[in-house]
Amino acid sequence: YVATNEKIQSIEKQANDVIHAYFEEHNNDTLFLQFSQSKNTEKFKIQKLWVNGATFNKLSIKARVYAMDNSVFHGPYTSLAIKQRDRKRLECGGGISAPDSVQLRTGETYIFSGTINELSALSQVRSVLFDEQIKKW
């Protein structure tokens, strides 16, 4: 088992290196993602969402978020889902969060970071959905 696991980790690392190099070489322009936000609109407004990196089966993302209300906790986060072209909602894992040291203040703009996981399960992505209640508010 240990030898098999080590081999899998080695192959995944090689794939990550190739994908990262490709992303760095071909991403001269910012890749903005389409998204919709149907929850938490009284707490914050997601203004922009973009890709800032990639590894095997995962995109690294960032979001510009405007606080509509103060958060009680540091590091609020929300999960995401994907709307496919056939309009089906797909749970893919991932989400965005403020840094653990940040407590949101009304009227301020923040950069959240996060991931979209399970890319191999995504086909014909239409948009990213932020349709779940925020955690740690």
Protein backbone atom coordinates (compact mmCIF):
# COMPACT_ATOMS: atom_id res chain seq x y z
CA TYR A 1 0.00 0.00 0.00
CA VAL A 2 2.75 2.47 0.92
CA ALA A 3 4.56 1.98 -2.40
CA THR A 4 1.32 2.46 -4.36
CA ASN A 5 0.46 5.57 -2.38
CA GLU A 6 3.93 7.04 -2.96
CA LYS A 7 3.63 6.36 -6.70
CA ILE A 8 0.22 8.07 -6.83
CA GLN A 9 1.59 11.09 -4.96
CA SER A 10 4.57 11.26 -7.34
CA ILE A 11 2.30 11.19 -10.41
CA GLU A 12 0.01 13.84 -8.92
CA LYS A 13 3.02 16.07 -8.18
CA GLN A 14 4.20 15.71 -11.79
CA ALA A 15 0.70 16.58 -13.05
CA ASN A 16 0.58 19.60 -10.72
CA ASP A 17 3.95 20.81 -12.03
CA VAL A 18 2.82 20.50 -15.67
CA ILE A 19 -0.53 22.22 -15.07
CA HIS A 20 1.09 25.00 -13.05
CA ALA A 21 3.70 25.62 -15.76
CA TYR A 22 1.01 25.65 -18.47
CA PHE A 23 -1.14 28.04 -16.46
CA GLU A 24 1.78 30.40 -15.86
CA GLU A 25 2.85 30.33 -19.52
CA HIS A 26 -0.60 30.82 -21.07
CA ASN A 27 -2.36 33.03 -18.56
CA ASN A 28 -1.27 36.48 -19.71
CA ASP A 29 -4.77 37.86 -19.17
CA THR A 30 -6.83 37.55 -16.03
CA LEU A 31 -9.37 34.75 -16.37
CA PHE A 32 -12.60 36.07 -14.85
CA LEU A 33 -15.35 33.59 -14.06
CA GLN A 34 -19.08 34.07 -14.43
CA PHE A 35 -20.89 33.71 -11.13
CA SER A 36 -24.17 34.38 -9.39
CA GLN A 37 -24.80 35.16 -5.74
CA SER A 38 -28.25 34.34 -4.36
CA LYS A 39 -27.51 34.18 -0.62
CA ASN A 40 -25.89 36.51 1.91
CA THR A 41 -26.57 39.58 -0.21
CA GLU A 42 -27.39 41.58 2.92
CA LYS A 43 -23.95 40.67 4.35
CA PHE A 44 -21.59 41.01 1.39
CA LYS A 45 -21.53 41.50 -2.36
CA ILE A 46 -19.14 39.50 -4.53
CA GLN A 47 -17.93 41.95 -7.16
CA LYS A 48 -15.47 39.87 -9.22
CA LEU A 49 -14.24 36.29 -9.32
CA TRP A 50 -11.08 35.18 -11.09
CA VAL A 51 -8.67 32.25 -11.43
CA ASN A 52 -5.18 32.76 -10.05
CA GLY A 53 -3.71 29.26 -10.31
CA ALA A 54 -4.33 25.63 -11.11
CA THR A 55 -3.23 22.19 -10.02
CA PHE A 56 -4.47 18.71 -10.84
CA ASN A 57 -8.25 18.71 -10.38
CA LYS A 58 -8.36 22.13 -8.65
CA LEU A 59 -8.52 25.82 -9.56
CA SER A 60 -7.27 28.48 -7.19
CA ILE A 61 -9.58 31.47 -7.19
CA LYS A 62 -9.84 34.95 -5.73
CA ALA A 63 -12.87 37.17 -5.25
CA ARG A 64 -13.30 40.88 -4.60
CA VAL A 65 -15.93 41.16 -1.87
CA TYR A 66 -17.65 44.31 -0.58
CA ALA A 67 -18.91 44.09 3.02
CA MET A 68 -22.54 45.18 3.45
CA ASP A 69 -22.47 44.41 7.19
CA ASN A 70 -19.94 43.78 9.97
CA SER A 71 -18.96 40.17 10.64
CA VAL A 72 -18.72 38.97 14.23
CA PHE A 73 -16.10 36.30 13.46
CA HIS A 74 -12.74 36.43 11.74
CA GLY A 75 -12.31 34.60 8.43
CA PRO A 76 -15.89 34.23 7.17
CA TYR A 77 -16.26 31.76 4.31
CA THR A 78 -18.86 30.39 1.94
CA SER A 79 -18.95 27.29 -0.18
CA LEU A 80 -19.78 27.19 -3.87
CA ALA A 81 -21.36 24.98 -6.49
CA ILE A 82 -21.30 24.96 -10.29
CA LYS A 83 -24.14 25.53 -12.72
CA GLN A 84 -23.52 23.48 -15.84
CA ARG A 85 -24.72 24.35 -19.34
CA ASP A 86 -27.61 21.91 -18.93
CA ARG A 87 -28.60 24.06 -15.91
CA LYS A 88 -27.91 21.24 -13.45
CA ARG A 89 -26.37 22.25 -10.13
CA LEU A 90 -23.21 20.31 -9.34
CA GLU A 91 -21.62 20.09 -5.89
CA CYS A 92 -17.91 20.31 -6.57
CA GLY A 93 -16.38 21.30 -3.27
CA GLY A 94 -14.46 24.43 -2.59
CA GLY A 95 -15.41 27.97 -1.73
CA ILE A 96 -13.96 31.33 -0.80
CA SER A 97 -12.92 32.85 2.50
CA ALA A 98 -11.46 35.98 4.03
CA PRO A 99 -8.09 35.59 5.72
CA ASP A 100 -8.36 34.14 9.25
CA SER A 101 -7.15 37.43 10.70
CA VAL A 102 -9.85 39.52 9.01
CA GLN A 103 -13.15 40.59 10.51
CA LEU A 104 -15.31 42.29 7.85
CA ARG A 105 -16.37 45.89 8.35
CA THR A 106 -19.27 47.57 6.56
CA GLY A 107 -18.20 49.55 3.50
CA GLU A 108 -14.79 47.91 3.14
CA THR A 109 -13.61 45.79 0.20
CA TYR A 110 -11.70 42.54 0.75
CA ILE A 111 -9.99 39.88 -1.33
CA PHE A 112 -11.21 36.39 -0.49
CA SER A 113 -9.32 33.34 -1.74
CA GLY A 114 -10.32 29.74 -2.25
CA THR A 115 -10.66 26.83 -4.63
CA ILE A 116 -12.96 25.05 -7.01
CA ASN A 117 -12.38 21.34 -6.44
CA GLU A 118 -13.18 18.20 -8.43
CA LEU A 119 -12.60 19.76 -11.84
CA SER A 120 -12.66 16.32 -13.45
CA ALA A 121 -16.38 16.13 -12.58
CA LEU A 122 -17.18 19.43 -14.25
CA SER A 123 -18.37 19.41 -17.81
CA GLN A 124 -19.51 22.46 -19.71
CA VAL A 125 -19.41 24.88 -16.80
CA ARG A 126 -21.86 27.78 -17.15
CA SER A 127 -21.17 29.70 -13.93
CA VAL A 128 -20.13 29.50 -10.31
CA LEU A 129 -22.99 29.61 -7.79
CA PHE A 130 -22.77 31.19 -4.37
CA ASP A 131 -26.10 29.92 -3.07
CA GLU A 132 -25.34 28.72 0.45
CA GLN A 133 -25.33 30.56 3.76
CA ILE A 134 -22.00 32.05 4.77
CA LYS A 135 -20.23 30.35 7.67
CA LYS A 136 -18.51 32.10 10.58
CA TRP A 137 -20.38 35.37 10.18
